[in-house]
Amino acid sequence: MSQNDTLTDEERAELEQLRAEKAAREQAARAAAERAELDRLRAEKAQAQKSAEAAAARSAQQAQEAAELERARKLMEPDDDDLKMAPGQKIVIAAVVGIALVWLLITIFG
């Protein structure tokens, strides 16, 4: 190998400086990629949490609707007394009789 193949001290210093700059750029690129991944994972976590909250809200709403439907169904089914009428029917009949009595009293005394 000839004399031209070896690097001078100046060239070695420049080479080391360029290697250090390259390493710094690569480190900055890795850090930026890690920050981007962290942001992406945080966004995914937030989205998953929102989805879980929405699913819980839907589940609670469905449970409430089912309970209301069951309560309404029980109100309209007959119970175990002699009339064999649903409580809802009894309430409607009582309201109609009450309105008729009020109308009758107003007509007689009014």
PDB file of N, CA and C in Angstrom:
ATOM      1  N   MET A   1       0.841  -1.158   0.000  1.00  0.00           N
ATOM      2  CA  MET A   1       0.000   0.000   0.000  1.00  0.00           C
ATOM      3  C   MET A   1       0.889   1.224   0.000  1.00  0.00           C
ATOM      4  N   SER A   2       0.413   2.169  -0.671  1.00  0.00           N
ATOM      5  CA  SER A   2       1.240   3.364  -0.835  1.00  0.00           C
ATOM      6  C   SER A   2       0.940   4.386   0.237  1.00  0.00           C
ATOM      7  N   GLN A   3       1.644   5.442   0.160  1.00  0.00           N
ATOM      8  CA  GLN A   3       1.534   6.544   1.113  1.00  0.00           C
ATOM      9  C   GLN A   3       0.173   7.226   1.008  1.00  0.00           C
ATOM     10  N   ASN A   4      -0.445   7.202  -0.143  1.00  0.00           N
ATOM     11  CA  ASN A   4      -1.712   7.890  -0.373  1.00  0.00           C
ATOM     12  C   ASN A   4      -2.883   7.184   0.314  1.00  0.00           C
ATOM     13  N   ASP A   5      -2.724   5.931   0.690  1.00  0.00           N
ATOM     14  CA  ASP A   5      -3.807   5.176   1.310  1.00  0.00           C
ATOM     15  C   ASP A   5      -4.019   5.541   2.773  1.00  0.00           C
ATOM     16  N   THR A   6      -3.067   6.064   3.439  1.00  0.00           N
ATOM     17  CA  THR A   6      -3.214   6.414   4.854  1.00  0.00           C
ATOM     18  C   THR A   6      -3.810   7.803   4.978  1.00  0.00           C
ATOM     19  N   LEU A   7      -4.551   8.017   6.053  1.00  0.00           N
ATOM     20  CA  LEU A   7      -5.195   9.304   6.296  1.00  0.00           C
ATOM     21  C   LEU A   7      -4.296  10.181   7.144  1.00  0.00           C
ATOM     22  N   THR A   8      -4.374  11.450   6.882  1.00  0.00           N
ATOM     23  CA  THR A   8      -3.623  12.403   7.705  1.00  0.00           C
ATOM     24  C   THR A   8      -4.406  12.621   8.984  1.00  0.00           C
ATOM     25  N   ASP A   9      -3.788  13.274   9.923  1.00  0.00           N
ATOM     26  CA  ASP A   9      -4.456  13.566  11.191  1.00  0.00           C
ATOM     27  C   ASP A   9      -5.673  14.447  10.969  1.00  0.00           C
ATOM     28  N   GLU A  10      -5.554  15.375  10.053  1.00  0.00           N
ATOM     29  CA  GLU A  10      -6.671  16.266   9.739  1.00  0.00           C
ATOM     30  C   GLU A  10      -7.830  15.473   9.146  1.00  0.00           C
ATOM     31  N   GLU A  11      -7.535  14.571   8.230  1.00  0.00           N
ATOM     32  CA  GLU A  11      -8.571  13.767   7.599  1.00  0.00           C
ATOM     33  C   GLU A  11      -9.222  12.822   8.614  1.00  0.00           C
ATOM     34  N   ARG A  12      -8.397  12.291   9.505  1.00  0.00           N
ATOM     35  CA  ARG A  12      -8.947  11.418  10.557  1.00  0.00           C
ATOM     36  C   ARG A  12      -9.889  12.191  11.470  1.00  0.00           C
ATOM     37  N   ALA A  13      -9.516  13.397  11.817  1.00  0.00           N
ATOM     38  CA  ALA A  13     -10.358  14.234  12.672  1.00  0.00           C
ATOM     39  C   ALA A  13     -11.669  14.552  11.956  1.00  0.00           C
ATOM     40  N   GLU A  14     -11.564  14.862  10.664  1.00  0.00           N
ATOM     41  CA  GLU A  14     -12.770  15.153   9.888  1.00  0.00           C
ATOM     42  C   GLU A  14     -13.656  13.913   9.791  1.00  0.00           C
ATOM     43  N   LEU A  15     -13.045  12.752   9.570  1.00  0.00           N
ATOM     44  CA  LEU A  15     -13.789  11.499   9.499  1.00  0.00           C
ATOM     45  C   LEU A  15     -14.501  11.213  10.818  1.00  0.00           C
ATOM     46  N   GLU A  16     -13.807  11.390  11.922  1.00  0.00           N
ATOM     47  CA  GLU A  16     -14.413  11.178  13.237  1.00  0.00           C
ATOM     48  C   GLU A  16     -15.560  12.156  13.471  1.00  0.00           C
ATOM     49  N   GLN A  17     -15.382  13.384  13.041  1.00  0.00           N
ATOM     50  CA  GLN A  17     -16.424  14.397  13.200  1.00  0.00           C
ATOM     51  C   GLN A  17     -17.653  14.012  12.370  1.00  0.00           C
ATOM     52  N   LEU A  18     -17.430  13.573  11.132  1.00  0.00           N
ATOM     53  CA  LEU A  18     -18.541  13.158  10.274  1.00  0.00           C
ATOM     54  C   LEU A  18     -19.261  11.929  10.845  1.00  0.00           C
ATOM     55  N   ARG A  19     -18.485  10.997  11.383  1.00  0.00           N
ATOM     56  CA  ARG A  19     -19.097   9.818  12.012  1.00  0.00           C
ATOM     57  C   ARG A  19     -19.940  10.223  13.226  1.00  0.00           C
ATOM     58  N   ALA A  20     -19.424  11.167  14.003  1.00  0.00           N
ATOM     59  CA  ALA A  20     -20.166  11.643  15.177  1.00  0.00           C
ATOM     60  C   ALA A  20     -21.449  12.352  14.753  1.00  0.00           C
ATOM     61  N   GLU A  21     -21.385  13.156  13.689  1.00  0.00           N
ATOM     62  CA  GLU A  21     -22.580  13.840  13.195  1.00  0.00           C
ATOM     63  C   GLU A  21     -23.605  12.837  12.683  1.00  0.00           C
ATOM     64  N   LYS A  22     -23.114  11.808  11.975  1.00  0.00           N
ATOM     65  CA  LYS A  22     -24.008  10.772  11.467  1.00  0.00           C
ATOM     66  C   LYS A  22     -24.676  10.033  12.626  1.00  0.00           C
ATOM     67  N   ALA A  23     -23.902   9.706  13.645  1.00  0.00           N
ATOM     68  CA  ALA A  23     -24.456   9.019  14.815  1.00  0.00           C
ATOM     69  C   ALA A  23     -25.493   9.898  15.511  1.00  0.00           C
ATOM     70  N   ALA A  24     -25.223  11.193  15.591  1.00  0.00           N
ATOM     71  CA  ALA A  24     -26.177  12.116  16.224  1.00  0.00           C
ATOM     72  C   ALA A  24     -27.471  12.184  15.409  1.00  0.00           C
ATOM     73  N   ARG A  25     -27.356  12.238  14.077  1.00  0.00           N
ATOM     74  CA  ARG A  25     -28.547  12.260  13.227  1.00  0.00           C
ATOM     75  C   ARG A  25     -29.363  10.974  13.391  1.00  0.00           C
ATOM     76  N   GLU A  26     -28.656   9.842  13.419  1.00  0.00           N
ATOM     77  CA  GLU A  26     -29.346   8.562  13.578  1.00  0.00           C
ATOM     78  C   GLU A  26     -30.040   8.484  14.935  1.00  0.00           C
ATOM     79  N   GLN A  27     -29.364   8.984  15.969  1.00  0.00           N
ATOM     80  CA  GLN A  27     -29.960   8.991  17.309  1.00  0.00           C
ATOM     81  C   GLN A  27     -31.202   9.884  17.339  1.00  0.00           C
ATOM     82  N   ALA A  28     -31.119  11.046  16.683  1.00  0.00           N
ATOM     83  CA  ALA A  28     -32.270  11.952  16.628  1.00  0.00           C
ATOM     84  C   ALA A  28     -33.424  11.305  15.860  1.00  0.00           C
ATOM     85  N   ALA A  29     -33.106  10.594  14.789  1.00  0.00           N
ATOM     86  CA  ALA A  29     -34.143   9.916  14.012  1.00  0.00           C
ATOM     87  C   ALA A  29     -34.799   8.811  14.843  1.00  0.00           C
ATOM     88  N   ARG A  30     -33.997   8.052  15.598  1.00  0.00           N
ATOM     89  CA  ARG A  30     -34.551   7.008  16.465  1.00  0.00           C
ATOM     90  C   ARG A  30     -35.445   7.624  17.539  1.00  0.00           C
ATOM     91  N   ALA A  31     -34.993   8.730  18.123  1.00  0.00           N
ATOM     92  CA  ALA A  31     -35.791   9.396  19.160  1.00  0.00           C
ATOM     93  C   ALA A  31     -37.111   9.902  18.581  1.00  0.00           C
ATOM     94  N   ALA A  32     -37.068  10.469  17.378  1.00  0.00           N
ATOM     95  CA  ALA A  32     -38.294  10.953  16.738  1.00  0.00           C
ATOM     96  C   ALA A  32     -39.242   9.790  16.449  1.00  0.00           C
ATOM     97  N   ALA A  33     -38.692   8.676  15.997  1.00  0.00           N
ATOM     98  CA  ALA A  33     -39.519   7.503  15.718  1.00  0.00           C
ATOM     99  C   ALA A  33     -40.151   6.977  17.007  1.00  0.00           C
ATOM    100  N   GLU A  34     -39.389   6.968  18.089  1.00  0.00           N
ATOM    101  CA  GLU A  34     -39.921   6.510  19.371  1.00  0.00           C
ATOM    102  C   GLU A  34     -41.022   7.446  19.868  1.00  0.00           C
ATOM    103  N   ARG A  35     -40.821   8.764  19.695  1.00  0.00           N
ATOM    104  CA  ARG A  35     -41.862   9.718  20.100  1.00  0.00           C
ATOM    105  C   ARG A  35     -43.130   9.511  19.273  1.00  0.00           C
ATOM    106  N   ALA A  36     -42.962   9.294  17.974  1.00  0.00           N
ATOM    107  CA  ALA A  36     -44.121   9.063  17.106  1.00  0.00           C
ATOM    108  C   ALA A  36     -44.855   7.788  17.523  1.00  0.00           C
ATOM    109  N   GLU A  37     -44.096   6.737  17.841  1.00  0.00           N
ATOM    110  CA  GLU A  37     -44.714   5.493  18.280  1.00  0.00           C
ATOM    111  C   GLU A  37     -45.439   5.689  19.609  1.00  0.00           C
ATOM    112  N   LEU A  38     -44.826   6.443  20.512  1.00  0.00           N
ATOM    113  CA  LEU A  38     -45.461   6.727  21.796  1.00  0.00           C
ATOM    114  C   LEU A  38     -46.770   7.485  21.594  1.00  0.00           C
ATOM    115  N   ASP A  39     -46.757   8.487  20.728  1.00  0.00           N
ATOM    116  CA  ASP A  39     -47.980   9.246  20.443  1.00  0.00           C
ATOM    117  C   ASP A  39     -49.052   8.344  19.828  1.00  0.00           C
ATOM    118  N   ARG A  40     -48.637   7.482  18.916  1.00  0.00           N
ATOM    119  CA  ARG A  40     -49.580   6.563  18.280  1.00  0.00           C
ATOM    120  C   ARG A  40     -50.185   5.602  19.306  1.00  0.00           C
ATOM    121  N   LEU A  41     -49.347   5.071  20.201  1.00  0.00           N
ATOM    122  CA  LEU A  41     -49.842   4.152  21.221  1.00  0.00           C
ATOM    123  C   LEU A  41     -50.775   4.858  22.204  1.00  0.00           C
ATOM    124  N   ARG A  42     -50.457   6.100  22.543  1.00  0.00           N
ATOM    125  CA  ARG A  42     -51.345   6.862  23.430  1.00  0.00           C
ATOM    126  C   ARG A  42     -52.695   7.092  22.760  1.00  0.00           C
ATOM    127  N   ALA A  43     -52.663   7.409  21.464  1.00  0.00           N
ATOM    128  CA  ALA A  43     -53.917   7.622  20.732  1.00  0.00           C
ATOM    129  C   ALA A  43     -54.730   6.327  20.673  1.00  0.00           C
ATOM    130  N   GLU A  44     -54.059   5.207  20.450  1.00  0.00           N
ATOM    131  CA  GLU A  44     -54.750   3.917  20.432  1.00  0.00           C
ATOM    132  C   GLU A  44     -55.373   3.616  21.786  1.00  0.00           C
ATOM    133  N   LYS A  45     -54.618   3.901  22.849  1.00  0.00           N
ATOM    134  CA  LYS A  45     -55.119   3.653  24.202  1.00  0.00           C
ATOM    135  C   LYS A  45     -56.339   4.522  24.482  1.00  0.00           C
ATOM    136  N   ALA A  46     -56.272   5.789  24.093  1.00  0.00           N
ATOM    137  CA  ALA A  46     -57.409   6.688  24.302  1.00  0.00           C
ATOM    138  C   ALA A  46     -58.617   6.210  23.505  1.00  0.00           C
ATOM    139  N   GLN A  47     -58.394   5.776  22.273  1.00  0.00           N
ATOM    140  CA  GLN A  47     -59.494   5.280  21.444  1.00  0.00           C
ATOM    141  C   GLN A  47     -60.094   4.016  22.050  1.00  0.00           C
ATOM    142  N   ALA A  48     -59.240   3.124  22.543  1.00  0.00           N
ATOM    143  CA  ALA A  48     -59.742   1.896  23.162  1.00  0.00           C
ATOM    144  C   ALA A  48     -60.548   2.218  24.418  1.00  0.00           C
ATOM    145  N   GLN A  49     -60.084   3.195  25.177  1.00  0.00           N
ATOM    146  CA  GLN A  49     -60.804   3.585  26.386  1.00  0.00           C
ATOM    147  C   GLN A  49     -62.166   4.185  26.025  1.00  0.00           C
ATOM    148  N   LYS A  50     -62.192   5.027  24.991  1.00  0.00           N
ATOM    149  CA  LYS A  50     -63.469   5.604  24.555  1.00  0.00           C
ATOM    150  C   LYS A  50     -64.415   4.503  24.083  1.00  0.00           C
ATOM    151  N   SER A  51     -63.881   3.534  23.353  1.00  0.00           N
ATOM    152  CA  SER A  51     -64.711   2.431  22.874  1.00  0.00           C
ATOM    153  C   SER A  51     -65.259   1.612  24.038  1.00  0.00           C
ATOM    154  N   ALA A  52     -64.412   1.372  25.039  1.00  0.00           N
ATOM    155  CA  ALA A  52     -64.856   0.613  26.208  1.00  0.00           C
ATOM    156  C   ALA A  52     -65.932   1.378  26.972  1.00  0.00           C
ATOM    157  N   GLU A  53     -65.748   2.686  27.113  1.00  0.00           N
ATOM    158  CA  GLU A  53     -66.753   3.500  27.804  1.00  0.00           C
ATOM    159  C   GLU A  53     -68.065   3.510  27.027  1.00  0.00           C
ATOM    160  N   ALA A  54     -67.976   3.612  25.701  1.00  0.00           N
ATOM    161  CA  ALA A  54     -69.184   3.603  24.879  1.00  0.00           C
ATOM    162  C   ALA A  54     -69.892   2.252  24.982  1.00  0.00           C
ATOM    163  N   ALA A  55     -69.125   1.170  24.985  1.00  0.00           N
ATOM    164  CA  ALA A  55     -69.721  -0.160  25.112  1.00  0.00           C
ATOM    165  C   ALA A  55     -70.381  -0.323  26.476  1.00  0.00           C
ATOM    166  N   ALA A  56     -69.739   0.186  27.515  1.00  0.00           N
ATOM    167  CA  ALA A  56     -70.328   0.113  28.852  1.00  0.00           C
ATOM    168  C   ALA A  56     -71.611   0.931  28.924  1.00  0.00           C
ATOM    169  N   ALA A  57     -71.605   2.092  28.290  1.00  0.00           N
ATOM    170  CA  ALA A  57     -72.808   2.933  28.282  1.00  0.00           C
ATOM    171  C   ALA A  57     -73.937   2.240  27.518  1.00  0.00           C
ATOM    172  N   ARG A  58     -73.601   1.628  26.368  1.00  0.00           N
ATOM    173  CA  ARG A  58     -74.622   0.900  25.609  1.00  0.00           C
ATOM    174  C   ARG A  58     -75.172  -0.263  26.428  1.00  0.00           C
ATOM    175  N   SER A  59     -74.289  -0.974  27.110  1.00  0.00           N
ATOM    176  CA  SER A  59     -74.713  -2.107  27.922  1.00  0.00           C
ATOM    177  C   SER A  59     -75.630  -1.648  29.052  1.00  0.00           C
ATOM    178  N   ALA A  60     -75.266  -0.546  29.701  1.00  0.00           N
ATOM    179  CA  ALA A  60     -76.105  -0.014  30.776  1.00  0.00           C
ATOM    180  C   ALA A  60     -77.453   0.435  30.229  1.00  0.00           C
ATOM    181  N   GLN A  61     -77.450   1.064  29.064  1.00  0.00           N
ATOM    182  CA  GLN A  61     -78.698   1.518  28.440  1.00  0.00           C
ATOM    183  C   GLN A  61     -79.578   0.320  28.097  1.00  0.00           C
ATOM    184  N   GLN A  62     -78.977  -0.730  27.557  1.00  0.00           N
ATOM    185  CA  GLN A  62     -79.751  -1.923  27.209  1.00  0.00           C
ATOM    186  C   GLN A  62     -80.321  -2.586  28.459  1.00  0.00           C
ATOM    187  N   ALA A  63     -79.531  -2.619  29.531  1.00  0.00           N
ATOM    188  CA  ALA A  63     -80.015  -3.205  30.781  1.00  0.00           C
ATOM    189  C   ALA A  63     -81.178  -2.391  31.343  1.00  0.00           C
ATOM    190  N   GLN A  64     -81.066  -1.075  31.270  1.00  0.00           N
ATOM    191  CA  GLN A  64     -82.141  -0.211  31.757  1.00  0.00           C
ATOM    192  C   GLN A  64     -83.404  -0.404  30.917  1.00  0.00           C
ATOM    193  N   GLU A  65     -83.240  -0.468  29.603  1.00  0.00           N
ATOM    194  CA  GLU A  65     -84.393  -0.683  28.723  1.00  0.00           C
ATOM    195  C   GLU A  65     -85.041  -2.042  28.990  1.00  0.00           C
ATOM    196  N   ALA A  66     -84.219  -3.061  29.229  1.00  0.00           N
ATOM    197  CA  ALA A  66     -84.759  -4.388  29.522  1.00  0.00           C
ATOM    198  C   ALA A  66     -85.531  -4.374  30.840  1.00  0.00           C
ATOM    199  N   ALA A  67     -85.007  -3.664  31.838  1.00  0.00           N
ATOM    200  CA  ALA A  67     -85.701  -3.573  33.121  1.00  0.00           C
ATOM    201  C   ALA A  67     -87.026  -2.826  32.975  1.00  0.00           C
ATOM    202  N   GLU A  68     -87.025  -1.746  32.202  1.00  0.00           N
ATOM    203  CA  GLU A  68     -88.263  -0.999  31.976  1.00  0.00           C
ATOM    204  C   GLU A  68     -89.282  -1.845  31.211  1.00  0.00           C
ATOM    205  N   LEU A  69     -88.814  -2.597  30.235  1.00  0.00           N
ATOM    206  CA  LEU A  69     -89.698  -3.464  29.466  1.00  0.00           C
ATOM    207  C   LEU A  69     -90.299  -4.552  30.358  1.00  0.00           C
ATOM    208  N   GLU A  70     -89.487  -5.122  31.220  1.00  0.00           N
ATOM    209  CA  GLU A  70     -89.966  -6.157  32.137  1.00  0.00           C
ATOM    210  C   GLU A  70     -90.991  -5.587  33.119  1.00  0.00           C
ATOM    211  N   ARG A  71     -90.723  -4.382  33.625  1.00  0.00           N
ATOM    212  CA  ARG A  71     -91.655  -3.736  34.553  1.00  0.00           C
ATOM    213  C   ARG A  71     -92.986  -3.451  33.842  1.00  0.00           C
ATOM    214  N   ALA A  72     -92.921  -2.963  32.608  1.00  0.00           N
ATOM    215  CA  ALA A  72     -94.141  -2.690  31.849  1.00  0.00           C
ATOM    216  C   ALA A  72     -94.888  -3.980  31.532  1.00  0.00           C
ATOM    217  N   ARG A  73     -94.148  -5.033  31.233  1.00  0.00           N
ATOM    218  CA  ARG A  73     -94.779  -6.327  30.950  1.00  0.00           C
ATOM    219  C   ARG A  73     -95.508  -6.844  32.186  1.00  0.00           C
ATOM    220  N   LYS A  74     -94.872  -6.736  33.354  1.00  0.00           N
ATOM    221  CA  LYS A  74     -95.508  -7.193  34.587  1.00  0.00           C
ATOM    222  C   LYS A  74     -96.741  -6.361  34.912  1.00  0.00           C
ATOM    223  N   LEU A  75     -96.690  -5.072  34.595  1.00  0.00           N
ATOM    224  CA  LEU A  75     -97.830  -4.198  34.857  1.00  0.00           C
ATOM    225  C   LEU A  75     -99.036  -4.606  34.018  1.00  0.00           C
ATOM    226  N   MET A  76     -98.804  -5.080  32.819  1.00  0.00           N
ATOM    227  CA  MET A  76     -99.901  -5.421  31.916  1.00  0.00           C
ATOM    228  C   MET A  76    -100.321  -6.889  31.990  1.00  0.00           C
ATOM    229  N   GLU A  77     -99.641  -7.706  32.774  1.00  0.00           N
ATOM    230  CA  GLU A  77    -100.036  -9.107  32.931  1.00  0.00           C
ATOM    231  C   GLU A  77    -100.984  -9.238  34.117  1.00  0.00           C
ATOM    232  N   PRO A  78    -101.920 -10.175  34.043  1.00  0.00           N
ATOM    233  CA  PRO A  78    -102.832 -10.350  35.176  1.00  0.00           C
ATOM    234  C   PRO A  78    -102.097 -10.890  36.399  1.00  0.00           C
ATOM    235  N   ASP A  79    -102.599 -10.482  37.579  1.00  0.00           N
ATOM    236  CA  ASP A  79    -102.009 -11.008  38.801  1.00  0.00           C
ATOM    237  C   ASP A  79    -102.907 -12.118  39.341  1.00  0.00           C
ATOM    238  N   ASP A  80    -102.763 -12.505  40.593  1.00  0.00           N
ATOM    239  CA  ASP A  80    -103.444 -13.688  41.125  1.00  0.00           C
ATOM    240  C   ASP A  80    -104.722 -13.374  41.900  1.00  0.00           C
ATOM    241  N   ASP A  81    -105.403 -12.283  41.627  1.00  0.00           N
ATOM    242  CA  ASP A  81    -106.664 -12.038  42.333  1.00  0.00           C
ATOM    243  C   ASP A  81    -107.845 -12.542  41.496  1.00  0.00           C
ATOM    244  N   ASP A  82    -109.069 -12.331  41.984  1.00  0.00           N
ATOM    245  CA  ASP A  82    -110.256 -12.906  41.356  1.00  0.00           C
ATOM    246  C   ASP A  82    -110.587 -12.291  40.000  1.00  0.00           C
ATOM    247  N   LEU A  83    -110.235 -11.029  39.786  1.00  0.00           N
ATOM    248  CA  LEU A  83    -110.640 -10.369  38.551  1.00  0.00           C
ATOM    249  C   LEU A  83    -109.830 -10.822  37.336  1.00  0.00           C
ATOM    250  N   LYS A  84    -108.687 -11.347  37.558  1.00  0.00           N
ATOM    251  CA  LYS A  84    -107.800 -11.811  36.481  1.00  0.00           C
ATOM    252  C   LYS A  84    -107.526 -10.709  35.461  1.00  0.00           C
ATOM    253  N   MET A  85    -107.352  -9.495  35.976  1.00  0.00           N
ATOM    254  CA  MET A  85    -107.000  -8.366  35.113  1.00  0.00           C
ATOM    255  C   MET A  85    -105.601  -7.885  35.467  1.00  0.00           C
ATOM    256  N   ALA A  86    -104.972  -7.352  34.499  1.00  0.00           N
ATOM    257  CA  ALA A  86    -103.645  -6.783  34.724  1.00  0.00           C
ATOM    258  C   ALA A  86    -103.782  -5.501  35.545  1.00  0.00           C
ATOM    259  N   PRO A  87    -102.773  -5.169  36.346  1.00  0.00           N
ATOM    260  CA  PRO A  87    -102.835  -3.929  37.133  1.00  0.00           C
ATOM    261  C   PRO A  87    -103.020  -2.689  36.263  1.00  0.00           C
ATOM    262  N   GLY A  88    -102.445  -2.683  35.073  1.00  0.00           N
ATOM    263  CA  GLY A  88    -102.611  -1.548  34.166  1.00  0.00           C
ATOM    264  C   GLY A  88    -104.070  -1.370  33.760  1.00  0.00           C
ATOM    265  N   GLN A  89    -104.748  -2.472  33.528  1.00  0.00           N
ATOM    266  CA  GLN A  89    -106.169  -2.406  33.172  1.00  0.00           C
ATOM    267  C   GLN A  89    -106.991  -1.891  34.346  1.00  0.00           C
ATOM    268  N   LYS A  90    -106.658  -2.339  35.540  1.00  0.00           N
ATOM    269  CA  LYS A  90    -107.370  -1.881  36.734  1.00  0.00           C
ATOM    270  C   LYS A  90    -107.191  -0.378  36.920  1.00  0.00           C
ATOM    271  N   ILE A  91    -105.989   0.111  36.672  1.00  0.00           N
ATOM    272  CA  ILE A  91    -105.713   1.543  36.811  1.00  0.00           C
ATOM    273  C   ILE A  91    -106.527   2.336  35.797  1.00  0.00           C
ATOM    274  N   VAL A  92    -106.588   1.864  34.568  1.00  0.00           N
ATOM    275  CA  VAL A  92    -107.350   2.558  33.526  1.00  0.00           C
ATOM    276  C   VAL A  92    -108.838   2.561  33.875  1.00  0.00           C
ATOM    277  N   ILE A  93    -109.365   1.445  34.322  1.00  0.00           N
ATOM    278  CA  ILE A  93    -110.783   1.366  34.690  1.00  0.00           C
ATOM    279  C   ILE A  93    -111.078   2.290  35.863  1.00  0.00           C
ATOM    280  N   ALA A  94    -110.215   2.289  36.868  1.00  0.00           N
ATOM    281  CA  ALA A  94    -110.413   3.167  38.025  1.00  0.00           C
ATOM    282  C   ALA A  94    -110.377   4.630  37.602  1.00  0.00           C
ATOM    283  N   ALA A  95    -109.485   4.989  36.687  1.00  0.00           N
ATOM    284  CA  ALA A  95    -109.406   6.375  36.222  1.00  0.00           C
ATOM    285  C   ALA A  95    -110.668   6.764  35.466  1.00  0.00           C
ATOM    286  N   VAL A  96    -111.184   5.882  34.624  1.00  0.00           N
ATOM    287  CA  VAL A  96    -112.409   6.169  33.865  1.00  0.00           C
ATOM    288  C   VAL A  96    -113.598   6.306  34.814  1.00  0.00           C
ATOM    289  N   VAL A  97    -113.698   5.424  35.800  1.00  0.00           N
ATOM    290  CA  VAL A  97    -114.784   5.510  36.783  1.00  0.00           C
ATOM    291  C   VAL A  97    -114.670   6.806  37.574  1.00  0.00           C
ATOM    292  N   GLY A  98    -113.461   7.184  37.967  1.00  0.00           N
ATOM    293  CA  GLY A  98    -113.258   8.437  38.703  1.00  0.00           C
ATOM    294  C   GLY A  98    -113.660   9.645  37.873  1.00  0.00           C
ATOM    295  N   ILE A  99    -113.281   9.666  36.629  1.00  0.00           N
ATOM    296  CA  ILE A  99    -113.648  10.791  35.749  1.00  0.00           C
ATOM    297  C   ILE A  99    -115.165  10.836  35.564  1.00  0.00           C
ATOM    298  N   ALA A 100    -115.789   9.669  35.420  1.00  0.00           N
ATOM    299  CA  ALA A 100    -117.249   9.622  35.268  1.00  0.00           C
ATOM    300  C   ALA A 100    -117.938  10.149  36.523  1.00  0.00           C
ATOM    301  N   LEU A 101    -117.428   9.788  37.699  1.00  0.00           N
ATOM    302  CA  LEU A 101    -118.016  10.283  38.944  1.00  0.00           C
ATOM    303  C   LEU A 101    -117.872  11.792  39.062  1.00  0.00           C
ATOM    304  N   VAL A 102    -116.710  12.314  38.727  1.00  0.00           N
ATOM    305  CA  VAL A 102    -116.496  13.761  38.782  1.00  0.00           C
ATOM    306  C   VAL A 102    -117.436  14.455  37.809  1.00  0.00           C
ATOM    307  N   TRP A 103    -117.570  13.931  36.612  1.00  0.00           N
ATOM    308  CA  TRP A 103    -118.480  14.533  35.618  1.00  0.00           C
ATOM    309  C   TRP A 103    -119.933  14.487  36.113  1.00  0.00           C
ATOM    310  N   LEU A 104    -120.317  13.368  36.717  1.00  0.00           N
ATOM    311  CA  LEU A 104    -121.673  13.219  37.240  1.00  0.00           C
ATOM    312  C   LEU A 104    -121.938  14.214  38.366  1.00  0.00           C
ATOM    313  N   LEU A 105    -120.979  14.358  39.278  1.00  0.00           N
ATOM    314  CA  LEU A 105    -121.144  15.301  40.385  1.00  0.00           C
ATOM    315  C   LEU A 105    -121.211  16.738  39.885  1.00  0.00           C
ATOM    316  N   ILE A 106    -120.404  17.065  38.904  1.00  0.00           N
ATOM    317  CA  ILE A 106    -120.432  18.422  38.342  1.00  0.00           C
ATOM    318  C   ILE A 106    -121.761  18.669  37.638  1.00  0.00           C
ATOM    319  N   THR A 107    -122.281  17.657  36.960  1.00  0.00           N
ATOM    320  CA  THR A 107    -123.549  17.795  36.252  1.00  0.00           C
ATOM    321  C   THR A 107    -124.706  17.970  37.245  1.00  0.00           C
ATOM    322  N   ILE A 108    -124.697  17.203  38.327  1.00  0.00           N
ATOM    323  CA  ILE A 108    -125.784  17.263  39.306  1.00  0.00           C
ATOM    324  C   ILE A 108    -125.725  18.563  40.110  1.00  0.00           C
ATOM    325  N   PHE A 109    -124.558  18.902  40.633  1.00  0.00           N
ATOM    326  CA  PHE A 109    -124.430  20.055  41.520  1.00  0.00           C
ATOM    327  C   PHE A 109    -123.977  21.319  40.804  1.00  0.00           C
ATOM    328  N   GLY A 110    -123.624  21.227  39.567  1.00  0.00           N
ATOM    329  CA  GLY A 110    -123.067  22.362  38.839  1.00  0.00           C
ATOM    330  C   GLY A 110    -124.081  23.173  38.191  1.00  0.00           C
TER     331      GLY A 110
END
